[in-house]
Amino acid sequence: DGNCYYRAVLFAWLERSVALGNLDSLRSFDAMLRPHRQTPLLAPSVRVCHQILQGWIQKRAACTSKAALRALLGEVANEFNK
C-alpha cells in the first residue's frame, strides 16, 4: 500500500535520531503531534505515539554504552514491526 514509503521514511528518521542522540528532534516531533491530541479520531494514536516517544527519549538520555543503544534501537525496530 502507499503508506509503506512514508512508514519507512519515518522509521529511518526516528532510528537515526535515536542513534545520534538527537533528542531535540524527537521532542520537536512529539510537539508537532500535540495539537492532534484533541482530534477525536486521532487522539488515541497520538497519545500512544507520545508515550512511546517519551520512553525512547528517556532511555536514550540514559544510554551509556553501545550495548544499551543497540538494545534501544532494537526496541524502536520492534515497535515499528508490530
Protein backbone atom coordinates (compact mmCIF):
# COMPACT_ATOMS: atom_id res chain seq x y z
CA ASP A 1 0.00 0.00 0.00
CA GLY A 2 1.02 3.64 -0.36
CA ASN A 3 1.81 4.06 3.32
CA CYS A 4 4.88 1.80 3.16
CA TYR A 5 7.11 4.57 1.81
CA TYR A 6 6.08 7.08 4.49
CA ARG A 7 6.39 4.46 7.19
CA ALA A 8 9.91 3.60 6.00
CA VAL A 9 10.97 7.26 5.91
CA LEU A 10 9.56 7.89 9.39
CA PHE A 11 11.24 4.78 10.78
CA ALA A 12 14.60 5.74 9.24
CA TRP A 13 14.34 9.25 10.68
CA LEU A 14 13.35 8.01 14.14
CA GLU A 15 16.09 5.36 14.16
CA ARG A 16 18.73 7.88 13.11
CA SER A 17 17.54 10.48 15.63
CA VAL A 18 17.70 7.91 18.43
CA ALA A 19 21.08 6.59 17.26
CA LEU A 20 22.61 10.07 17.14
CA GLY A 21 21.01 11.12 20.41
CA ASN A 22 19.13 13.95 18.70
CA LEU A 23 16.58 14.28 21.48
CA ASP A 24 15.56 17.78 20.41
CA SER A 25 14.30 16.36 17.09
CA LEU A 26 12.31 13.70 18.89
CA ARG A 27 10.83 16.30 21.22
CA SER A 28 10.01 18.55 18.28
CA PHE A 29 8.22 15.71 16.51
CA ASP A 30 6.25 14.99 19.68
CA ALA A 31 5.32 18.68 19.89
CA MET A 32 4.10 18.64 16.27
CA LEU A 33 1.71 15.84 17.20
CA ARG A 34 0.38 17.66 20.28
CA PRO A 35 -2.43 19.62 18.54
CA HIS A 36 -3.84 16.35 17.22
CA ARG A 37 -4.43 15.05 20.75
CA GLN A 38 -7.71 16.98 20.64
CA THR A 39 -8.88 15.42 17.36
CA PRO A 40 -11.29 12.62 18.34
CA LEU A 41 -10.25 10.30 15.51
CA LEU A 42 -6.52 10.80 16.05
CA ALA A 43 -6.26 11.31 19.80
CA PRO A 44 -5.78 7.66 20.84
CA SER A 45 -2.97 7.09 18.32
CA VAL A 46 -1.30 10.40 19.14
CA ARG A 47 -1.34 9.56 22.86
CA VAL A 48 0.32 6.21 22.16
CA CYS A 49 2.95 7.92 19.98
CA HIS A 50 3.59 10.46 22.75
CA GLN A 51 4.10 7.71 25.33
CA ILE A 52 6.44 5.77 23.06
CA LEU A 53 8.46 8.86 22.11
CA GLN A 54 8.80 9.95 25.73
CA GLY A 55 10.01 6.48 26.66
CA TRP A 56 12.61 6.47 23.89
CA ILE A 57 13.78 9.97 24.85
CA GLN A 58 14.27 8.93 28.48
CA LYS A 59 16.00 5.69 27.57
CA ARG A 60 18.29 7.39 25.03
CA ALA A 61 19.26 10.04 27.56
CA ALA A 62 20.23 7.24 29.94
CA CYS A 63 22.24 5.21 27.40
CA THR A 64 25.84 4.98 28.49
CA SER A 65 27.07 2.12 26.32
CA LYS A 66 26.88 0.85 22.77
CA ALA A 67 25.09 -2.24 24.05
CA ALA A 68 22.37 -0.12 25.66
CA LEU A 69 22.00 1.89 22.45
CA ARG A 70 21.75 -1.29 20.36
CA ALA A 71 19.04 -2.58 22.71
CA LEU A 72 17.10 0.67 22.38
CA LEU A 73 17.39 0.64 18.59
CA GLY A 74 16.09 -2.93 18.68
CA GLU A 75 13.13 -1.68 20.70
CA VAL A 76 12.47 1.03 18.11
CA ALA A 77 12.54 -1.56 15.32
CA ASN A 78 10.28 -3.92 17.23
CA GLU A 79 7.75 -1.17 17.83
CA PHE A 80 7.62 -0.37 14.13
CA ASN A 81 7.23 -4.03 13.17
CA LYS A 82 4.29 -4.85 15.42
